C-alpha atoms as a PDB file:
ATOM      1  CA  MET A   1       0.079  -0.116   0.042  1.00  0.00           C
ATOM      2  CA  TYR A   2       2.407   2.710   1.179  1.00  0.00           C
ATOM      3  CA  THR A   3       5.913   2.619   2.306  1.00  0.00           C
ATOM      4  CA  GLY A   4       7.805   2.990   5.648  1.00  0.00           C
ATOM      5  CA  GLU A   5       6.714   4.987   8.582  1.00  0.00           C
ATOM      6  CA  PHE A   6       3.615   6.551   6.935  1.00  0.00           C
ATOM      7  CA  GLU A   7       2.158   3.029   6.164  1.00  0.00           C
ATOM      8  CA  GLU A   8       2.589   2.051   9.997  1.00  0.00           C
ATOM      9  CA  LEU A   9       1.040   5.381  11.162  1.00  0.00           C
ATOM     10  CA  PHE A  10      -1.876   5.133   8.853  1.00  0.00           C
ATOM     11  CA  ARG A  11      -2.589   1.522   9.811  1.00  0.00           C
ATOM     12  CA  LYS A  12      -2.571   2.368  13.430  1.00  0.00           C
ATOM     13  CA  ILE A  13      -4.918   5.301  13.016  1.00  0.00           C
ATOM     14  CA  SER A  14      -7.321   3.407  10.598  1.00  0.00           C
ATOM     15  CA  ASN A  15      -7.408   0.516  13.098  1.00  0.00           C
ATOM     16  CA  LEU A  16      -8.942   2.883  15.635  1.00  0.00           C
ATOM     17  CA  PHE A  17     -12.086   3.296  13.573  1.00  0.00           C
ATOM     18  CA  THR A  18     -13.677  -0.136  13.809  1.00  0.00           C
ATOM     19  CA  LEU A  19     -17.239  -0.903  12.747  1.00  0.00           C
ATOM     20  CA  GLU A  20     -18.219  -1.207  16.379  1.00  0.00           C
ATOM     21  CA  THR A  21     -17.038   2.428  17.068  1.00  0.00           C
ATOM     22  CA  VAL A  22     -19.650   3.615  14.519  1.00  0.00           C
ATOM     23  CA  SER A  23     -22.454   1.087  15.070  1.00  0.00           C
ATOM     24  CA  GLN A  24     -25.805   1.669  16.643  1.00  0.00           C
ATOM     25  CA  GLU A  25     -28.322  -0.661  18.368  1.00  0.00           C
ATOM     26  CA  GLU A  26     -31.203   0.305  16.119  1.00  0.00           C
ATOM     27  CA  GLN A  27     -31.923  -2.361  13.621  1.00  0.00           C
ATOM     28  CA  ILE A  28     -31.573  -1.241  10.051  1.00  0.00           C
ATOM     29  CA  LYS A  29     -33.524  -2.909   7.368  1.00  0.00           C
ATOM     30  CA  GLY A  30     -32.505  -3.608   3.687  1.00  0.00           C
ATOM     31  CA  LYS A  31     -29.572  -5.391   2.275  1.00  0.00           C
ATOM     32  CA  LEU A  32     -27.106  -6.154   5.019  1.00  0.00           C
ATOM     33  CA  LEU A  33     -23.438  -7.015   4.848  1.00  0.00           C
ATOM     34  CA  ARG A  34     -22.251  -9.134   7.756  1.00  0.00           C
ATOM     35  CA  ARG A  35     -18.748  -8.244   9.263  1.00  0.00           C
ATOM     36  CA  ASP A  36     -16.847  -8.740  12.534  1.00  0.00           C
ATOM     37  CA  PRO A  37     -17.331  -5.707  14.844  1.00  0.00           C
ATOM     38  CA  LYS A  38     -13.498  -5.334  15.163  1.00  0.00           C
ATOM     39  CA  THR A  39     -13.057  -4.853  11.447  1.00  0.00           C
ATOM     40  CA  PRO A  40     -11.637  -1.416  10.565  1.00  0.00           C
ATOM     41  CA  VAL A  41     -13.958   0.915   8.664  1.00  0.00           C
ATOM     42  CA  TRP A  42     -11.346   1.514   6.162  1.00  0.00           C
ATOM     43  CA  ASP A  43     -10.899  -2.173   5.357  1.00  0.00           C
ATOM     44  CA  THR A  44     -14.681  -2.528   4.764  1.00  0.00           C
ATOM     45  CA  LEU A  45     -15.015   0.348   2.326  1.00  0.00           C
ATOM     46  CA  GLU A  46     -14.476  -1.831  -0.835  1.00  0.00           C
ATOM     47  CA  SER A  47     -17.361  -4.142   0.297  1.00  0.00           C
ATOM     48  CA  ILE A  48     -20.137  -1.866   0.955  1.00  0.00           C
ATOM     49  CA  ASP A  49     -21.387  -1.005  -2.527  1.00  0.00           C
ATOM     50  CA  GLY A  50     -24.966  -2.175  -3.031  1.00  0.00           C
ATOM     51  CA  TYR A  51     -25.631  -2.536   0.804  1.00  0.00           C
ATOM     52  CA  ASP A  52     -27.829  -0.402   3.065  1.00  0.00           C
ATOM     53  CA  ALA A  53     -25.919  -1.307   6.255  1.00  0.00           C
ATOM     54  CA  ILE A  54     -23.496  -3.567   7.897  1.00  0.00           C
ATOM     55  CA  ASP A  55     -24.615  -6.059  10.521  1.00  0.00           C
ATOM     56  CA  ILE A  56     -21.941  -6.701  13.247  1.00  0.00           C
ATOM     57  CA  GLY A  57     -24.133  -9.071  15.360  1.00  0.00           C
ATOM     58  CA  GLY A  58     -26.846  -7.165  17.045  1.00  0.00           C
ATOM     59  CA  LYS A  59     -25.603  -3.796  16.089  1.00  0.00           C
ATOM     60  CA  TYR A  60     -25.591  -1.977  12.788  1.00  0.00           C
ATOM     61  CA  VAL A  61     -23.638   0.555  10.843  1.00  0.00           C
ATOM     62  CA  SER A  62     -25.711   2.461   8.329  1.00  0.00           C
ATOM     63  CA  CYS A  63     -23.738   3.102   5.190  1.00  0.00           C
ATOM     64  CA  GLU A  64     -24.722   6.875   5.516  1.00  0.00           C
ATOM     65  CA  LYS A  65     -23.061   7.023   9.038  1.00  0.00           C
ATOM     66  CA  PHE A  66     -20.177   5.034   7.798  1.00  0.00           C
ATOM     67  CA  PHE A  67     -19.222   7.909   5.376  1.00  0.00           C
ATOM     68  CA  ARG A  68     -19.167  10.589   8.226  1.00  0.00           C
ATOM     69  CA  LYS A  69     -16.063  11.269  10.294  1.00  0.00           C
ATOM     70  CA  PRO A  70     -14.114   7.999  10.234  1.00  0.00           C
ATOM     71  CA  VAL A  71     -13.810   7.949   6.402  1.00  0.00           C
ATOM     72  CA  ARG A  72     -13.355  11.764   6.140  1.00  0.00           C
ATOM     73  CA  ILE A  73     -10.509  11.713   8.721  1.00  0.00           C
ATOM     74  CA  LEU A  74      -8.748   8.769   6.860  1.00  0.00           C
ATOM     75  CA  PHE A  75      -8.972  10.407   3.464  1.00  0.00           C
ATOM     76  CA  PHE A  76      -7.827  13.682   5.021  1.00  0.00           C
ATOM     77  CA  ILE A  77      -4.620  11.934   6.230  1.00  0.00           C
ATOM     78  CA  LEU A  78      -4.038  10.265   2.806  1.00  0.00           C
ATOM     79  CA  ILE A  79      -4.620  13.397   0.841  1.00  0.00           C
ATOM     80  CA  HIS A  80      -2.413  15.407   3.166  1.00  0.00           C
ATOM     81  CA  GLU A  81       0.295  12.695   2.487  1.00  0.00           C
ATOM     82  CA  ILE A  82      -0.214  13.122  -1.218  1.00  0.00           C
ATOM     83  CA  GLU A  83       0.403  16.930  -0.872  1.00  0.00           C
ATOM     84  CA  SER A  84       3.586  16.224   1.295  1.00  0.00           C
ATOM     85  CA  ARG A  85       4.850  13.911  -1.346  1.00  0.00           C
ATOM     86  CA  LEU A  86       4.211  16.388  -4.154  1.00  0.00           C
ATOM     87  CA  TYR A  87       5.833  19.108  -2.217  1.00  0.00           C
ATOM     88  CA  ARG A  88       8.894  16.880  -1.483  1.00  0.00           C
ATOM     89  CA  ILE A  89       9.259  15.947  -5.203  1.00  0.00           C
ATOM     90  CA  HIS A  90       9.155  19.578  -6.342  1.00  0.00           C
ATOM     91  CA  ARG A  91      11.656  20.495  -3.586  1.00  0.00           C
ATOM     92  CA  ARG A  92      13.925  17.701  -4.750  1.00  0.00           C
ATOM     93  CA  ASN A  93      13.533  18.880  -8.270  1.00  0.00           C
ATOM     94  CA  GLY A  94      15.010  22.234  -7.390  1.00  0.00           C
ATOM     95  CA  LYS A  95      11.920  24.467  -6.797  1.00  0.00           C
ATOM     96  CA  PRO A  96      12.680  27.182  -4.281  1.00  0.00           C
ATOM     97  CA  LEU A  97      10.954  26.633  -0.980  1.00  0.00           C
ATOM     98  CA  SER A  98       9.385  30.130  -1.173  1.00  0.00           C
ATOM     99  CA  ASP A  99       7.734  29.156  -4.458  1.00  0.00           C
ATOM    100  CA  LEU A 100       6.405  25.876  -2.920  1.00  0.00           C
ATOM    101  CA  ASP A 101       5.042  27.667   0.114  1.00  0.00           C
ATOM    102  CA  GLU A 102       2.917  29.768  -2.231  1.00  0.00           C
ATOM    103  CA  SER A 103       1.843  26.829  -4.368  1.00  0.00           C
ATOM    104  CA  ASN A 104      -1.365  25.050  -4.053  1.00  0.00           C
ATOM    105  CA  ILE A 105      -2.060  21.466  -4.865  1.00  0.00           C
ATOM    106  CA  ASN A 106      -3.163  22.242  -8.524  1.00  0.00           C
ATOM    107  CA  ASN A 107       0.078  24.028  -9.238  1.00  0.00           C
ATOM    108  CA  MET A 108       2.124  21.140  -7.927  1.00  0.00           C
ATOM    109  CA  ILE A 109       0.018  18.787  -9.940  1.00  0.00           C
ATOM    110  CA  LYS A 110       0.662  20.765 -13.144  1.00  0.00           C
ATOM    111  CA  GLY A 111       4.348  20.868 -12.470  1.00  0.00           C
ATOM    112  CA  LEU A 112       4.431  17.127 -11.927  1.00  0.00           C
ATOM    113  CA  ILE A 113       2.466  16.342 -15.086  1.00  0.00           C
ATOM    114  CA  SER A 114       4.465  18.657 -17.199  1.00  0.00           C
ATOM    115  CA  ASP A 115       7.837  16.966 -16.222  1.00  0.00           C
ATOM    116  CA  LYS A 116       8.321  13.869 -18.470  1.00  0.00           C
ATOM    117  CA  GLY A 117      11.140  12.724 -16.347  1.00  0.00           C
ATOM    118  CA  LEU A 118       9.101  12.520 -13.242  1.00  0.00           C
ATOM    119  CA  LEU A 119       6.441  10.305 -15.067  1.00  0.00           C
ATOM    120  CA  GLU A 120       9.264   7.870 -16.093  1.00  0.00           C
ATOM    121  CA  ALA A 121      10.433   7.694 -12.496  1.00  0.00           C
ATOM    122  CA  GLN A 122       7.528   5.613 -11.533  1.00  0.00           C
ATOM    123  CA  LYS A 123       5.928   2.236 -12.773  1.00  0.00           C
ATOM    124  CA  ILE A 124       2.347   2.651 -11.480  1.00  0.00           C
ATOM    125  CA  TYR A 125       0.909   4.803 -14.290  1.00  0.00           C
ATOM    126  CA  GLN A 126       1.496   3.820 -17.892  1.00  0.00           C
ATOM    127  CA  THR A 127       0.443   7.121 -19.376  1.00  0.00           C
ATOM    128  CA  ARG A 128       0.570  10.795 -18.405  1.00  0.00           C
ATOM    129  CA  SER A 129      -3.277  11.077 -19.027  1.00  0.00           C
ATOM    130  CA  GLU A 130      -3.952   8.217 -16.419  1.00  0.00           C
ATOM    131  CA  LEU A 131      -1.863  10.055 -13.814  1.00  0.00           C
ATOM    132  CA  LYS A 132      -3.471  13.419 -14.601  1.00  0.00           C
ATOM    133  CA  GLU A 133      -6.930  11.925 -14.331  1.00  0.00           C
ATOM    134  CA  ASP A 134      -6.411  10.472 -10.888  1.00  0.00           C
ATOM    135  CA  LEU A 135      -4.429  13.661  -9.637  1.00  0.00           C
ATOM    136  CA  LYS A 136      -7.402  15.759 -10.832  1.00  0.00           C
ATOM    137  CA  ALA A 137     -10.050  13.431  -9.260  1.00  0.00           C
ATOM    138  CA  ILE A 138      -8.215  13.464  -5.922  1.00  0.00           C
ATOM    139  CA  SER A 139      -7.613  17.228  -6.034  1.00  0.00           C
ATOM    140  CA  SER A 140     -11.390  17.758  -6.555  1.00  0.00           C
ATOM    141  CA  PHE A 141     -12.264  15.261  -3.918  1.00  0.00           C
ATOM    142  CA  ARG A 142      -9.864  16.994  -1.576  1.00  0.00           C
ATOM    143  CA  ASN A 143     -12.209  20.060  -1.367  1.00  0.00           C
ATOM    144  CA  ILE A 144     -15.097  17.766  -0.217  1.00  0.00           C
ATOM    145  CA  ILE A 145     -12.869  16.140   2.481  1.00  0.00           C
ATOM    146  CA  PHE A 146     -11.068  19.212   3.743  1.00  0.00           C
ATOM    147  CA  HIS A 147     -13.958  21.509   3.966  1.00  0.00           C
ATOM    148  CA  THR A 148     -16.895  20.713   6.281  1.00  0.00           C
ATOM    149  CA  ASN A 149     -20.017  20.276   4.239  1.00  0.00           C
ATOM    150  CA  ARG A 150     -22.627  17.825   3.569  1.00  0.00           C
ATOM    151  CA  LYS A 151     -21.503  16.850  -0.026  1.00  0.00           C
ATOM    152  CA  LEU A 152     -19.876  13.675   1.281  1.00  0.00           C
ATOM    153  CA  LEU A 153     -23.143  12.458   2.716  1.00  0.00           C
ATOM    154  CA  LYS A 154     -25.405  13.746  -0.060  1.00  0.00           C
ATOM    155  CA  THR A 155     -23.535  13.541  -3.288  1.00  0.00           C
ATOM    156  CA  VAL A 156     -20.742  11.094  -3.031  1.00  0.00           C
ATOM    157  CA  GLY A 157     -21.830   7.530  -3.456  1.00  0.00           C
ATOM    158  CA  SER A 158     -20.070   4.391  -2.379  1.00  0.00           C
ATOM    159  CA  LYS A 159     -18.720   3.672  -5.902  1.00  0.00           C
ATOM    160  CA  THR A 160     -17.000   7.054  -5.929  1.00  0.00           C
ATOM    161  CA  LEU A 161     -15.569   6.466  -2.391  1.00  0.00           C
ATOM    162  CA  ILE A 162     -14.254   3.096  -3.437  1.00  0.00           C
ATOM    163  CA  GLN A 163     -12.755   4.616  -6.500  1.00  0.00           C
ATOM    164  CA  ARG A 164     -11.162   7.422  -4.714  1.00  0.00           C
ATOM    165  CA  LYS A 165      -9.626   5.034  -2.173  1.00  0.00           C
ATOM    166  CA  LYS A 166      -7.957   3.051  -5.143  1.00  0.00           C
ATOM    167  CA  GLN A 167      -6.799   6.303  -6.710  1.00  0.00           C
ATOM    168  CA  VAL A 168      -5.263   7.746  -3.563  1.00  0.00           C
ATOM    169  CA  ILE A 169      -3.535   4.460  -2.872  1.00  0.00           C
ATOM    170  CA  LYS A 170      -2.097   4.271  -6.433  1.00  0.00           C
ATOM    171  CA  LEU A 171      -1.066   7.923  -6.356  1.00  0.00           C
ATOM    172  CA  LEU A 172       0.805   7.484  -3.053  1.00  0.00           C
ATOM    173  CA  GLU A 173       2.720   4.525  -4.443  1.00  0.00           C
ATOM    174  CA  ALA A 174       3.634   6.426  -7.637  1.00  0.00           C
ATOM    175  CA  LEU A 175       4.629   9.607  -5.793  1.00  0.00           C
ATOM    176  CA  GLN A 176       6.782   7.577  -3.477  1.00  0.00           C
ATOM    177  CA  GLN A 177       8.406   5.864  -6.368  1.00  0.00           C
ATOM    178  CA  ILE A 178       9.232   9.263  -7.960  1.00  0.00           C
ATOM    179  CA  SER A 179      10.555  10.594  -4.713  1.00  0.00           C
ATOM    180  CA  ASP A 180      12.651   7.586  -4.025  1.00  0.00           C
ATOM    181  CA  ARG A 181      14.246   7.663  -7.433  1.00  0.00           C
ATOM    182  CA  MET A 182      15.020  11.316  -7.078  1.00  0.00           C
ATOM    183  CA  GLU A 183      16.723  10.712  -3.784  1.00  0.00           C
ATOM    184  CA  VAL A 184      18.826   7.817  -5.322  1.00  0.00           C
ATOM    185  CA  LYS A 185      19.672  10.091  -8.186  1.00  0.00           C
ATOM    186  CA  ALA A 186      20.813  12.930  -5.892  1.00  0.00           C
ATOM    187  CA  LYS A 187      22.965  10.606  -3.923  1.00  0.00           C
ATOM    188  CA  ASP A 188      24.679   9.332  -7.201  1.00  0.00           C
ATOM    189  CA  THR A 189      25.702  12.774  -8.273  1.00  0.00           C
END
């Protein structure tokens, strides 16, 4: 998934948000997915599409409540890490820190996409357009996650959340590969 310390940190945090922590005793009707109460919410995300709730044995997690704070917090952490990796890549690529401190995520994305050498430094994305598509999707999704609003509950469906999870994981891997290759290249020179 991710490399090093960040993976360990994220796993520890995501394990705090179990299905049991967001469950309620009120029975929910509809199509139910059965899971162990100790299962992390994050690990359940890919399974919820098409279900109304998760049955954890006498308690239930409605899919609507599932998308509230735990998922938002976890995406917040991951998107913050994407921004950190973009920042690190541009810093290693020689951009002055003063320019980076004034840059927003869209500027860093444009810089990454326009640099052919950076795309070649990773093996996750085969084309520039694939990378660009995922970066743009996560950049747009960032606004829903970072700003308190009801969009996550009202307009973002489970299919979109599942897709964003896949994209954010893929981007983190690609950005880490780029950063690692830049670090190795710097040591060799």
